[in-house]
Protein backbone atom coordinates (compact mmCIF):
# COMPACT_ATOMS: atom_id res chain seq x y z
CA MET A 1 111.64 139.82 -41.15
CA GLY A 2 110.38 137.15 -43.61
CA VAL A 3 106.93 137.23 -45.12
CA ASP A 4 104.64 134.33 -44.27
CA LEU A 5 102.85 133.37 -47.51
CA ARG A 6 99.94 131.95 -45.55
CA GLN A 7 99.36 135.28 -43.82
CA VAL A 8 99.42 137.04 -47.20
CA VAL A 9 96.81 134.60 -48.55
CA ALA A 10 94.66 135.06 -45.43
CA GLY A 11 94.86 138.82 -45.83
CA ILE A 12 93.83 138.65 -49.49
CA LEU A 13 90.90 136.38 -48.68
CA THR A 14 89.74 138.70 -45.90
CA LEU A 15 89.95 141.80 -48.14
CA THR A 16 88.13 139.97 -50.94
CA MET A 17 85.38 139.00 -48.50
CA PHE A 18 84.76 142.57 -47.40
CA VAL A 19 84.68 143.89 -50.98
CA MET A 20 82.26 141.16 -52.01
CA LEU A 21 80.06 141.58 -48.94
CA GLY A 22 79.92 145.36 -49.38
CA ASN A 23 78.87 145.01 -53.02
CA MET A 24 76.19 142.50 -52.09
CA ILE A 25 74.69 144.91 -49.55
CA LYS A 26 74.60 147.74 -51.96
CA ARG A 27 72.66 145.35 -53.88
CA ASP A 28 81.25 127.71 -26.19
CA HIS A 29 83.19 128.53 -23.27
CA PHE A 30 86.65 129.86 -23.40
CA ASP A 31 87.48 128.51 -31.30
CA SER A 32 93.40 127.08 -39.33
CA ILE A 33 96.43 127.93 -37.42
CA THR A 34 98.88 129.98 -39.52
CA GLU A 35 101.90 129.90 -37.22
CA LYS A 36 103.97 127.03 -35.86
CA LEU A 37 103.03 125.91 -32.36
CA PRO A 38 104.94 123.76 -29.91
CA GLY A 39 104.36 120.03 -30.17
CA ASP A 40 102.05 118.80 -32.91
CA VAL A 41 100.15 122.02 -33.56
CA GLN A 42 101.71 122.33 -36.99
CA ASP A 43 99.50 119.43 -38.04
CA VAL A 44 96.47 121.58 -37.28
CA ALA A 45 97.99 124.36 -39.38
CA LYS A 46 98.23 121.98 -42.33
CA VAL A 47 94.59 120.99 -41.94
CA ALA A 48 93.52 124.63 -41.77
CA GLU A 49 95.64 125.56 -44.77
CA GLU A 50 94.24 122.65 -46.75
CA GLY A 51 90.74 123.86 -45.87
CA LEU A 52 91.51 127.28 -47.35
CA ARG A 53 92.83 125.65 -50.51
CA THR A 54 89.70 123.52 -50.81
CA ILE A 55 87.42 126.55 -50.49
CA ALA A 56 89.44 128.47 -53.06
CA LYS A 57 89.56 125.51 -55.44
CA LEU A 58 85.84 124.79 -55.29
CA SER A 59 84.51 128.33 -55.37
CA LYS A 60 87.46 130.60 -56.24
CA GLY A 61 86.86 132.37 -52.94
CA PRO A 62 84.50 132.40 -49.95
CA TRP A 63 81.42 133.30 -51.98
CA LEU A 64 77.96 133.42 -50.41
CA GLU A 65 74.78 132.01 -51.86
CA ASP A 66 72.84 134.29 -54.21
CA GLY A 67 69.78 133.95 -52.00
CA GLU A 68 71.62 135.68 -49.16
CA GLN A 69 71.92 139.01 -50.96
CA LEU A 70 70.39 142.00 -49.24
CA LYS A 71 67.79 144.14 -50.90
CA PRO A 72 69.12 147.50 -52.10
CA TYR A 73 68.81 150.19 -49.47
CA GLU A 74 67.45 153.50 -50.68
CA ILE A 75 69.13 156.24 -48.65
CA GLU A 76 66.29 158.68 -49.24
CA GLU A 77 63.92 156.41 -47.34
CA SER A 78 65.48 157.44 -44.01
CA ARG A 79 62.68 157.90 -41.50
CA GLY A 80 64.51 159.25 -38.46
CA TYR A 81 67.67 158.95 -36.42
CA VAL A 82 69.26 156.21 -34.34
CA THR A 83 71.85 157.31 -31.76
CA PHE A 84 73.96 155.32 -29.31
CA SER A 85 77.20 155.41 -27.33
CA LEU A 86 80.14 153.02 -27.22
CA THR A 87 80.83 151.89 -23.66
CA ASN A 88 82.95 149.53 -21.52
CA GLY A 89 85.86 149.07 -23.91
CA PRO A 90 86.58 147.84 -27.47
CA GLU A 91 85.36 144.30 -26.84
CA TYR A 92 81.92 145.84 -26.31
CA HIS A 93 82.32 148.40 -29.08
CA VAL A 94 82.38 145.85 -31.89
CA SER A 95 79.15 144.27 -30.65
CA GLN A 96 77.46 147.62 -30.00
CA ILE A 97 78.35 148.81 -33.51
CA ALA A 98 76.93 145.63 -35.05
CA ASP A 99 73.64 145.91 -33.16
CA ALA A 100 73.20 149.61 -33.96
CA VAL A 101 73.84 149.10 -37.67
CA VAL A 102 71.39 146.21 -37.81
CA VAL A 103 68.71 148.26 -36.03
CA ALA A 104 69.22 151.27 -38.32
CA ARG A 105 69.16 149.03 -41.38
CA VAL A 106 65.86 147.37 -40.45
CA LEU A 107 64.23 150.67 -39.45
CA ARG A 108 65.53 152.47 -42.56
CA ALA A 109 66.90 155.09 -40.17
CA THR A 110 69.94 157.37 -40.28
CA LEU A 111 72.69 156.27 -37.91
CA VAL A 112 74.53 158.93 -35.92
CA VAL A 113 78.25 158.36 -35.29
CA PRO A 114 78.47 157.40 -31.60
CA ASP A 115 80.50 159.01 -28.86
CA ILE A 116 82.62 156.93 -26.48
CA ARG A 117 81.90 156.87 -22.77
CA GLY A 118 84.15 155.54 -20.05
CA SER A 119 83.24 153.95 -16.74
CA LYS A 120 83.28 157.24 -14.81
CA PRO A 121 80.55 159.93 -15.03
CA GLY A 122 81.55 162.65 -17.46
CA ASP A 123 84.26 160.47 -19.00
CA GLU A 124 83.48 161.05 -22.67
CA ARG A 125 85.44 161.33 -25.86
CA LYS A 126 84.70 161.63 -29.56
CA PHE A 127 84.56 158.61 -31.84
CA GLU A 128 87.43 160.02 -33.92
CA ASP A 129 89.68 160.17 -30.87
CA VAL A 130 90.00 156.39 -31.10
CA TYR A 131 88.62 155.24 -34.45
CA ASP A 132 88.85 156.38 -38.07
CA VAL A 133 85.48 158.10 -38.50
CA ASN A 134 85.77 158.49 -42.28
CA LYS A 135 86.54 154.79 -42.68
CA PHE A 136 83.50 154.00 -40.53
CA ILE A 137 81.18 156.11 -42.67
CA ARG A 138 82.62 154.86 -45.98
CA SER A 139 82.33 151.22 -44.98
CA LEU A 140 78.58 151.60 -44.40
CA ASP A 141 77.90 153.42 -47.66
CA GLY A 142 74.86 151.79 -49.24
CA VAL A 143 74.02 149.91 -46.04
CA VAL A 144 72.74 152.72 -43.84
CA LYS A 145 73.00 156.48 -44.05
CA VAL A 146 75.47 157.77 -41.46
CA VAL A 147 75.91 161.33 -40.17
CA LYS A 148 78.52 162.64 -37.75
CA GLU A 149 76.10 164.58 -35.56
CA LEU A 150 72.42 164.74 -34.73
CA PRO A 151 70.74 167.79 -36.34
CA GLU A 152 70.57 170.79 -33.98
CA GLU A 153 66.76 170.89 -34.08
CA ILE A 154 66.59 167.44 -32.45
CA SER A 155 67.24 167.40 -28.70
CA PHE A 156 68.88 164.44 -26.98
CA ARG A 157 66.39 164.91 -24.18
CA ASN A 158 63.52 164.02 -26.50
CA LEU A 159 65.01 160.75 -27.71
CA ALA A 160 63.26 157.58 -26.62
CA VAL A 161 65.77 155.22 -24.97
CA VAL A 162 65.37 151.65 -26.20
CA LYS A 163 67.15 148.66 -24.65
CA VAL A 164 68.59 146.31 -27.25
CA PRO A 165 69.85 142.78 -26.54
CA ASN A 166 73.22 141.96 -28.04
CA ARG A 167 72.91 140.18 -31.41
CA VAL A 168 69.45 141.61 -31.82
CA THR A 169 67.28 139.85 -34.40
CA GLU A 170 65.13 141.36 -37.11
CA ASP A 171 62.00 139.94 -35.47
CA HIS A 172 62.88 141.60 -32.16
CA ILE A 173 63.42 144.92 -33.91
CA ILE A 174 60.09 144.77 -35.75
CA GLU A 175 58.13 143.67 -32.69
CA ASN A 176 59.74 145.75 -29.95
CA ILE A 177 61.70 148.65 -31.44
CA GLN A 178 59.90 149.64 -34.61
CA PRO A 179 56.66 150.70 -32.85
CA ILE A 180 58.63 153.05 -30.56
CA PHE A 181 60.59 154.40 -33.51
CA LYS A 182 57.42 155.11 -35.47
CA ALA A 183 55.83 156.85 -32.50
CA LYS A 184 58.85 158.93 -31.47
CA GLY A 185 60.65 159.40 -34.77
CA ASN A 186 64.13 159.17 -33.22
CA ILE A 187 65.59 156.75 -30.67
CA ARG A 188 68.67 156.16 -28.55
CA LEU A 189 69.90 152.57 -28.19
CA ALA A 190 71.25 151.01 -25.00
CA THR A 191 72.73 147.58 -25.73
CA TYR A 192 72.74 145.02 -22.96
CA PHE A 193 74.38 141.61 -22.86
CA PRO A 194 72.11 138.88 -21.46
CA SER A 195 74.91 136.40 -22.20
CA VAL A 196 78.24 136.12 -23.98
CA ASN A 197 77.03 134.52 -27.18
CA MET A 198 79.32 134.74 -30.18
CA ARG A 199 78.46 131.37 -31.65
CA LYS A 200 77.38 131.34 -35.25
CA SER A 201 73.69 131.01 -36.06
CA THR A 202 72.36 127.80 -37.56
CA GLU A 203 70.68 129.79 -40.31
CA LYS A 204 71.96 132.93 -42.03
CA SER A 205 69.76 135.99 -42.39
CA ASN A 206 70.05 139.45 -43.88
CA ALA A 207 70.61 140.79 -40.37
CA ASP A 208 73.56 138.41 -39.92
CA LEU A 209 75.19 139.69 -43.11
CA VAL A 210 74.82 143.29 -41.95
CA ALA A 211 76.19 142.36 -38.51
CA CYS A 212 79.20 140.67 -40.15
CA LEU A 213 80.05 143.76 -42.17
CA ALA A 214 79.55 146.06 -39.16
CA MET A 215 81.57 143.89 -36.78
CA PHE A 216 84.53 143.12 -39.02
CA GLY A 217 84.57 145.88 -41.62
CA THR A 218 83.83 149.23 -39.97
CA LEU A 219 86.16 149.85 -37.02
CA GLU A 220 89.73 150.88 -37.71
CA LEU A 221 91.98 152.70 -35.27
CA GLN A 222 92.76 156.31 -36.07
CA PRO A 223 96.40 156.76 -37.20
CA ASP A 224 97.90 158.00 -33.91
CA VAL A 225 96.44 155.12 -31.90
CA ASN A 226 97.29 152.58 -34.59
CA GLU A 227 100.89 153.82 -34.62
CA VAL A 228 101.21 153.14 -30.88
CA VAL A 229 99.82 149.61 -31.22
CA ASP A 230 102.14 148.88 -34.17
CA SER A 231 105.18 150.17 -32.30
CA MET A 232 104.37 147.97 -29.29
CA VAL A 233 103.92 144.93 -31.52
CA GLU A 234 107.25 145.66 -33.19
CA ARG A 235 108.93 146.10 -29.81
CA LEU A 236 107.64 142.70 -28.66
CA ARG A 237 108.87 141.09 -31.87
CA THR A 238 112.31 142.63 -31.34
CA LEU A 239 112.37 141.17 -27.83
CA SER A 240 111.45 137.77 -29.30
CA ARG A 241 114.49 137.18 -31.49
CA LYS A 242 115.14 133.74 -29.99
CA SER A 243 111.61 132.67 -31.00
CA ASP A 244 111.75 134.12 -34.53
CA GLY A 245 109.90 137.28 -33.51
CA ARG A 246 106.85 135.44 -32.17
CA PHE A 247 105.18 136.39 -28.91
CA ILE A 248 102.15 135.41 -26.82
CA ALA A 249 99.49 137.82 -25.56
CA VAL A 250 97.75 136.74 -22.35
CA ASP A 251 94.58 138.46 -21.16
CA LEU A 252 95.38 138.45 -17.46
CA ARG A 253 94.17 141.35 -15.29
CA VAL A 254 94.66 141.10 -11.55
CA ASP A 255 91.61 143.20 -10.65
CA LEU A 256 89.29 140.92 -12.63
CA LEU A 257 90.88 137.80 -11.20
CA ASP A 258 90.30 139.13 -7.69
CA ASN A 259 86.65 139.91 -8.47
CA LYS A 260 85.92 136.61 -10.17
CA GLY A 261 87.88 134.52 -7.73
CA CYS A 262 88.51 131.96 -10.49
CA HIS A 263 85.77 129.71 -9.17
CA GLU A 264 84.82 126.62 -11.08
CA GLY A 265 81.50 126.58 -12.90
CA ASN A 266 79.97 123.59 -14.68
CA GLY A 267 83.16 121.66 -14.06
CA ARG A 268 85.38 124.34 -15.63
CA LYS A 269 87.20 127.37 -14.32
CA SER A 270 86.28 130.81 -15.62
CA CYS A 271 89.74 132.28 -15.11
CA TYR A 272 93.33 131.39 -14.31
CA GLY A 273 95.98 133.13 -12.23
CA ALA A 274 99.60 133.93 -13.08
CA HIS A 275 101.05 130.71 -11.67
CA GLU A 276 98.49 128.53 -13.46
CA ILE A 277 99.17 130.28 -16.77
CA ALA A 278 102.93 129.87 -16.31
CA VAL A 279 102.60 126.13 -15.63
CA PHE A 280 100.16 125.70 -18.52
CA LEU A 281 102.43 127.39 -21.08
CA ARG A 282 105.49 125.51 -19.85
CA LYS A 283 103.79 122.11 -20.03
CA ILE A 284 102.53 122.60 -23.60
CA GLY A 285 106.04 123.33 -24.81
CA TYR A 286 106.95 127.01 -24.56
CA ASP A 287 110.49 127.57 -23.28
CA LYS A 288 111.82 130.21 -20.91
CA ASP A 289 112.85 132.55 -23.75
CA THR A 290 109.23 132.97 -24.91
CA THR A 291 108.06 136.60 -24.86
CA ILE A 292 104.74 137.20 -23.12
CA TYR A 293 102.59 140.33 -23.12
CA LEU A 294 100.06 140.74 -20.30
CA THR A 295 96.97 142.96 -20.49
CA GLN A 296 97.62 143.92 -16.87
CA SER A 297 98.46 147.64 -17.20
CA ARG A 298 101.08 147.92 -14.48
CA TRP A 299 103.18 145.35 -12.73
CA ASP A 300 101.68 143.57 -9.73
CA SER A 301 103.66 141.46 -7.28
CA SER A 302 101.35 138.50 -7.93
CA LEU A 303 102.76 138.30 -11.47
CA SER A 304 106.32 137.58 -10.32
CA VAL A 305 105.70 133.83 -10.34
CA LEU A 306 105.01 134.06 -14.08
CA LYS A 307 108.13 136.13 -14.70
CA ASP A 308 110.23 133.61 -12.73
CA ILE A 309 109.36 130.96 -15.33
CA PHE A 310 109.20 133.30 -18.35
CA PRO A 311 111.62 136.21 -17.73
CA LYS A 312 110.49 138.00 -20.90
CA THR A 313 107.07 138.89 -19.49
CA TYR A 314 105.95 142.48 -20.05
CA THR A 315 103.07 144.85 -19.35
CA LYS A 316 102.19 148.10 -21.14
CA GLU A 317 104.44 150.21 -18.94
CA ASN A 318 107.48 148.27 -20.25
CA ILE A 319 106.86 148.62 -23.98
CA THR A 320 104.75 151.77 -24.54
CA PRO A 321 106.83 154.38 -26.43
CA ALA A 322 108.17 156.93 -23.94
CA ASP A 323 106.74 159.91 -25.82
CA LYS A 324 103.28 158.31 -25.84
CA LYS A 325 103.00 157.27 -22.18
CA GLU A 326 101.46 160.51 -20.96
CA LYS A 327 98.56 160.28 -23.39
CA PHE A 328 98.01 156.54 -23.58
CA LEU A 329 99.14 155.21 -20.23
CA ASP A 330 99.48 157.88 -17.56
CA SER A 331 96.09 159.58 -17.95
CA GLU A 332 93.19 158.84 -15.61
CA ASP A 333 91.17 157.56 -18.55
CA SER A 334 91.77 153.86 -19.20
CA GLU A 335 90.01 153.79 -22.59
CA PHE A 336 93.24 153.88 -24.58
CA GLU A 337 94.72 151.10 -22.46
CA LYS A 338 91.74 148.88 -23.22
CA VAL A 339 92.05 149.64 -26.93
CA ILE A 340 95.76 148.81 -26.93
CA ASP A 341 95.07 145.47 -25.22
CA PHE A 342 92.28 144.49 -27.59
CA TYR A 343 94.18 145.21 -30.78
CA LEU A 344 97.51 143.90 -29.54
CA CYS A 345 95.86 140.62 -28.47
CA SER A 346 94.28 140.48 -31.92
CA GLN A 347 97.71 140.72 -33.60
CA SER A 348 99.88 138.51 -31.39
CA ASP A 349 101.17 135.19 -32.70
CA ALA A 350 99.30 133.31 -29.97
CA PHE A 351 96.50 134.45 -27.67
CA VAL A 352 95.73 132.95 -24.27
CA PRO A 353 92.50 134.08 -22.56
CA ALA A 354 93.16 133.69 -18.83
CA ILE A 355 89.69 135.16 -18.28
CA SER A 356 86.57 134.02 -20.12
CA GLY A 357 84.06 136.58 -21.34
CA LEU A 358 83.39 139.06 -24.12
CA PHE A 359 87.03 140.17 -24.45
CA TYR A 360 88.03 136.60 -25.27
CA ALA A 361 85.04 136.09 -27.58
CA ASN A 362 85.51 139.25 -29.64
CA VAL A 363 89.32 139.01 -29.79
CA ALA A 364 88.79 135.46 -31.05
CA GLY A 365 86.41 136.77 -33.72
CA LYS A 366 88.87 139.39 -34.90
CA ARG A 367 91.70 136.84 -34.99
CA ILE A 368 89.59 134.33 -36.93
CA ALA A 369 88.63 137.05 -39.40
CA SER A 370 92.30 137.83 -40.05
CA GLY A 371 93.51 134.22 -40.09
CA LYS A 372 95.28 134.35 -36.71
CA ASN A 373 93.61 131.33 -35.16
CA GLN A 374 96.30 130.32 -32.67
CA ILE A 375 94.10 130.67 -29.58
CA LEU A 376 95.00 128.46 -26.63
CA VAL A 377 92.48 127.91 -23.85
CA PRO A 378 94.23 127.30 -20.51
CA ALA A 379 93.51 124.25 -18.40
CA ASP A 380 94.97 122.28 -15.51
CA ILE A 381 97.40 119.67 -16.82
CA SER A 382 97.99 116.69 -14.56
CA GLY A 383 101.11 115.31 -16.25
CA SER A 384 104.47 116.88 -16.94
CA SER A 385 103.66 117.76 -20.52
CA ALA A 386 100.83 117.94 -23.05
CA SER A 387 100.23 118.75 -26.70
CA ALA A 388 99.17 122.31 -27.50
CA THR A 389 96.73 120.92 -30.07
CA ASP A 390 94.57 119.68 -27.20
CA PHE A 391 93.95 123.23 -26.04
CA ILE A 392 93.04 125.02 -29.26
CA SER A 393 89.89 127.08 -28.69
CA PRO A 394 86.57 125.45 -29.64
CA TYR A 395 85.87 128.65 -31.58
CA VAL A 396 88.58 127.42 -33.98
CA LEU A 397 88.33 123.62 -33.82
CA LYS A 398 84.52 123.48 -33.93
CA LYS A 399 84.25 126.58 -36.15
CA ASN A 400 81.34 127.70 -34.03
CA HIS A 401 82.24 131.41 -33.80
CA MET A 402 80.03 133.73 -35.85
CA ALA A 403 83.18 134.92 -37.67
CA HIS A 404 83.24 131.57 -39.46
CA SER A 405 79.79 132.25 -40.93
CA CYS A 406 81.00 135.67 -42.10
CA PHE A 407 84.04 134.39 -43.96
CA CYS A 408 83.15 130.87 -45.07
């Protein structure tokens, strides 16, 4: 398989950003494209690539202003412990991690590595079952002190539970959380999501820099899970020989579509069904040989209309390695399935969010951070054809995702 020079450059820029950001710390609705799209999308790729060249030429990299440096964090100042759990799937995990790190940073507290809890009572697993715990701790060195477990002398029953809004601000922490922390000494965070808001702030703050590092630089899959995702990506590329190894990932889950009903809101639909996605992809230029991965875990009869138009449409049960199915697909716990979907959608050549929400928003952020900005927002197309450039996510075209403020 050939190496795409633009992807190499994007990777180097991303790595440089994390190294620089780490050193500094120690001191819309359904948003440049690096792959060729049908129609005129390649023009957008040229614009995006030119933008990267301009940044590099003017500043020799995506450097931040000196005034945005964080004050050094003295580890010995730790005043207590902050605990929390990761819940509801990886699209929530990245936001929950960011909020917890910001809270611990502002409070000068020690952060305890979280556990992971599923949707069912008693459905719990260790952080290291899914993520690389040593990478997580190393990435936060000099930002906050992190320990794997709460000391035995501290009981979970005595922790004060504090509700934290997603993308918590420093002012909110000082006004609402710090008094409880000072009174109780140790707290347990429960993040809630008043809205799906991943748009970048108009003004940068120290808390935003910490959130950027936590969201894009701390979570890495542990080797066994990462191996499964890589093998599935490679399998899809092998199946995509007629399209030069490229494939599309579509977040389409029948159970969510049934719950949402795909009703229109504010003049726009919040989700699209299999037939609508098939028609959309066909009209913007994808041919019948295009390989499509669906986040739907197992085949549902309602998906047949999509497979009729795009025969190379697959779900996890088709491409999960046989020796890994029992652990990652056939267990009652769906946590691994959610993780596979999130990271596979983050690595695909194109991503189509058939359902709006946090999954779309945080996959978009991860793709933007790694230079994979080919995100196509579905829509009803009245004519027989349309240009894919008209459906690029506003997160990319308007650069209004918070990831843009982290890397530009």
